[in-house]
Amino acid sequence: MKNIIIFVLCAVMILFTNGCGSRIIEKDNDVSSADSAQIPNPFVECETLEKAEQLAGFEISLPEKMPDGFTQSSILAIKNDMIEIIFNNKDDEIRIRKAEGKKDISGDYNEYKYKNTIKVDNLTVTTKGNDDKINVATWNDGNYSYSISANVDEKGIDSGNIIEMIKNIK
């Protein structure tokens, strides 16, 4: 009887250690690690802008015109928090975000050559970029924060296009 109990305990320990030491394969870079932990993605893909607005709890208006070749590819929302609309062309992406509050919601933590402040109507907009292009624009209207993040031709968007987009986002 004592041998059976020892055998069962050893089997349980083997199963337990194999379960805890299992390999985790990360999707993007195929790195194996037992210590990896992933934060769940809070964004929910929505079929329509109306569904995203219902989920987030507020509305958003988008630019009437996007830079040439860009079409809407995804509508995402975080419940009671944020709406994100993604536009793509063949190789590039533009993300427009809106959330309650007065924080930087761009999610872009890259280093850029310049950071500038411009006035668009009654809004103060912070822009970041390289050379003469803008990669990130952030602003708030007192109640909501907004951002445009652009990776267009690896350079960004010219200021005229950004200003026209900002004027239409509410």
Protein backbone atom coordinates (compact mmCIF):
# COMPACT_ATOMS: atom_id res chain seq x y z
CA MET A 1 0.00 0.00 0.00
CA LYS A 2 2.83 2.38 0.87
CA ASN A 3 4.44 1.76 -2.55
CA ILE A 4 1.18 2.58 -4.34
CA ILE A 5 0.89 5.91 -2.50
CA ILE A 6 4.52 6.79 -3.32
CA PHE A 7 3.94 5.84 -6.97
CA VAL A 8 0.80 8.01 -7.21
CA LEU A 9 2.58 10.96 -5.56
CA CYS A 10 5.53 10.63 -7.96
CA ALA A 11 3.19 10.48 -10.97
CA VAL A 12 1.33 13.60 -9.79
CA MET A 13 4.63 15.46 -9.28
CA ILE A 14 5.84 14.49 -12.76
CA LEU A 15 2.59 15.65 -14.33
CA PHE A 16 2.69 18.89 -12.33
CA THR A 17 6.28 19.75 -13.28
CA ASN A 18 5.65 18.95 -16.95
CA GLY A 19 2.60 21.23 -16.93
CA CYS A 20 4.49 24.10 -15.30
CA GLY A 21 7.48 23.78 -17.57
CA SER A 22 5.54 23.71 -20.81
CA ARG A 23 6.83 25.68 -23.77
CA ILE A 24 5.07 28.83 -24.81
CA ILE A 25 5.54 29.76 -28.44
CA GLU A 26 5.13 33.46 -29.08
CA LYS A 27 3.33 34.04 -32.34
CA ASP A 28 5.41 36.91 -33.74
CA ASN A 29 8.96 35.82 -33.14
CA ASP A 30 8.73 32.09 -32.33
CA VAL A 31 10.64 32.46 -29.06
CA SER A 32 10.20 29.72 -26.47
CA SER A 33 9.89 30.76 -22.87
CA ALA A 34 8.29 29.35 -19.75
CA ASP A 35 8.30 32.84 -18.19
CA SER A 36 6.26 34.61 -20.89
CA ALA A 37 2.93 36.08 -19.92
CA GLN A 38 0.70 37.95 -22.30
CA ILE A 39 -1.78 40.67 -21.46
CA PRO A 40 -5.16 40.02 -23.06
CA ASN A 41 -6.00 42.34 -25.94
CA PRO A 42 -8.72 44.72 -24.68
CA PHE A 43 -9.81 45.73 -28.20
CA VAL A 44 -12.96 44.23 -29.68
CA GLU A 45 -13.29 44.18 -33.45
CA CYS A 46 -16.58 45.77 -34.51
CA GLU A 47 -18.40 45.31 -37.79
CA THR A 48 -19.67 48.89 -37.87
CA LEU A 49 -18.74 52.26 -36.47
CA GLU A 50 -22.12 52.35 -34.69
CA LYS A 51 -21.28 49.14 -32.80
CA ALA A 52 -17.91 50.56 -31.77
CA GLU A 53 -19.60 53.73 -30.55
CA GLN A 54 -22.10 51.70 -28.51
CA LEU A 55 -19.29 49.66 -26.96
CA ALA A 56 -17.11 52.69 -26.17
CA GLY A 57 -20.02 54.80 -24.95
CA PHE A 58 -19.43 57.82 -27.23
CA GLU A 59 -19.47 58.81 -30.90
CA ILE A 60 -16.66 59.67 -33.29
CA SER A 61 -16.65 61.52 -36.59
CA LEU A 62 -13.95 60.71 -39.12
CA PRO A 63 -12.21 62.73 -41.82
CA GLU A 64 -14.18 63.11 -45.03
CA LYS A 65 -11.01 62.49 -47.01
CA MET A 66 -8.00 60.31 -46.25
CA PRO A 67 -4.63 60.47 -48.03
CA ASP A 68 -4.74 58.84 -51.46
CA GLY A 69 -5.09 55.06 -51.49
CA PHE A 70 -6.14 54.66 -47.84
CA THR A 71 -9.30 52.72 -47.05
CA GLN A 72 -10.81 51.70 -43.74
CA SER A 73 -9.64 48.22 -42.75
CA SER A 74 -10.60 47.79 -39.08
CA ILE A 75 -12.92 49.26 -36.47
CA LEU A 76 -11.95 48.46 -32.89
CA ALA A 77 -13.25 49.52 -29.49
CA ILE A 78 -12.50 49.06 -25.82
CA LYS A 79 -15.63 48.94 -23.69
CA ASN A 80 -16.35 52.32 -22.09
CA ASP A 81 -12.90 53.58 -23.10
CA MET A 82 -11.69 53.96 -26.69
CA ILE A 83 -12.45 53.71 -30.40
CA GLU A 84 -9.72 52.99 -32.95
CA ILE A 85 -10.17 53.09 -36.71
CA ILE A 86 -7.38 51.69 -38.89
CA PHE A 87 -6.88 52.71 -42.51
CA ASN A 88 -4.50 50.87 -44.84
CA ASN A 89 -3.13 51.12 -48.30
CA LYS A 90 -0.86 48.48 -49.78
CA ASP A 91 2.04 48.98 -47.35
CA ASP A 92 1.12 51.69 -44.88
CA GLU A 93 -1.24 52.33 -41.99
CA ILE A 94 -3.00 55.26 -40.32
CA ARG A 95 -4.67 54.84 -36.91
CA ILE A 96 -7.22 57.28 -35.55
CA ARG A 97 -8.15 57.00 -31.87
CA LYS A 98 -10.57 58.72 -29.51
CA ALA A 99 -10.98 58.17 -25.76
CA GLU A 100 -12.40 60.01 -22.77
CA GLY A 101 -9.92 62.08 -20.77
CA LYS A 102 -6.84 64.16 -21.38
CA LYS A 103 -4.04 61.65 -21.95
CA ASP A 104 -1.83 60.65 -24.88
CA ILE A 105 -3.68 57.68 -26.37
CA SER A 106 -1.53 57.26 -29.49
CA GLY A 107 0.30 54.16 -28.25
CA ASP A 108 3.32 55.38 -30.24
CA TYR A 109 6.44 55.43 -28.06
CA ASN A 110 9.00 55.89 -30.84
CA GLU A 111 11.63 58.61 -30.72
CA TYR A 112 11.27 61.28 -33.39
CA LYS A 113 13.56 64.09 -34.51
CA TYR A 114 11.09 66.78 -33.59
CA LYS A 115 8.12 67.51 -31.38
CA ASN A 116 6.03 70.55 -32.26
CA THR A 117 2.81 72.26 -31.18
CA ILE A 118 0.43 73.63 -33.79
CA LYS A 119 -2.96 75.33 -33.63
CA VAL A 120 -5.84 73.82 -35.59
CA ASP A 121 -8.93 75.99 -35.17
CA ASN A 122 -9.26 76.20 -31.36
CA LEU A 123 -7.25 73.01 -30.69
CA THR A 124 -3.65 72.74 -29.54
CA VAL A 125 -2.13 69.74 -31.31
CA THR A 126 1.19 68.09 -30.44
CA THR A 127 2.94 66.63 -33.47
CA LYS A 128 5.97 64.35 -33.66
CA GLY A 129 7.88 63.29 -36.72
CA ASN A 130 11.00 63.15 -38.79
CA ASP A 131 12.10 65.48 -41.55
CA ASP A 132 9.06 67.39 -42.82
CA LYS A 133 6.46 64.67 -42.13
CA ILE A 134 4.21 64.02 -39.12
CA ASN A 135 4.02 60.52 -37.65
CA VAL A 136 1.92 61.27 -34.56
CA ALA A 137 -0.59 64.00 -33.74
CA THR A 138 -2.31 64.15 -30.34
CA TRP A 139 -4.81 66.62 -28.90
CA ASN A 140 -7.79 66.92 -26.59
CA ASP A 141 -10.91 69.05 -26.63
CA GLY A 142 -11.42 69.19 -22.86
CA ASN A 143 -13.50 66.00 -22.68
CA TYR A 144 -11.86 63.61 -25.14
CA SER A 145 -8.35 62.76 -26.28
CA TYR A 146 -7.56 62.08 -29.93
CA SER A 147 -4.62 60.76 -31.90
CA ILE A 148 -3.53 60.08 -35.43
CA SER A 149 -0.58 57.71 -35.86
CA ALA A 150 0.78 57.34 -39.35
CA ASN A 151 3.38 55.16 -40.96
CA VAL A 152 3.14 56.34 -44.54
CA ASP A 153 6.06 55.51 -46.82
CA GLU A 154 8.03 55.06 -43.58
CA LYS A 155 7.97 58.86 -43.25
CA GLY A 156 4.58 60.07 -42.07
CA ILE A 157 2.01 62.48 -43.47
CA ASP A 158 2.50 66.07 -44.58
CA SER A 159 1.11 68.73 -42.25
CA GLY A 160 -1.61 69.86 -44.68
CA ASN A 161 -3.20 66.39 -44.70
CA ILE A 162 -2.94 66.06 -40.92
CA ILE A 163 -4.58 69.45 -40.37
CA GLU A 164 -7.49 68.57 -42.67
CA MET A 165 -7.94 65.24 -40.88
CA ILE A 166 -7.88 66.89 -37.43
CA LYS A 167 -10.54 69.42 -38.46
CA ASN A 168 -12.96 66.56 -39.21
CA ILE A 169 -12.31 64.26 -36.26
CA LYS A 170 -14.70 64.84 -33.37
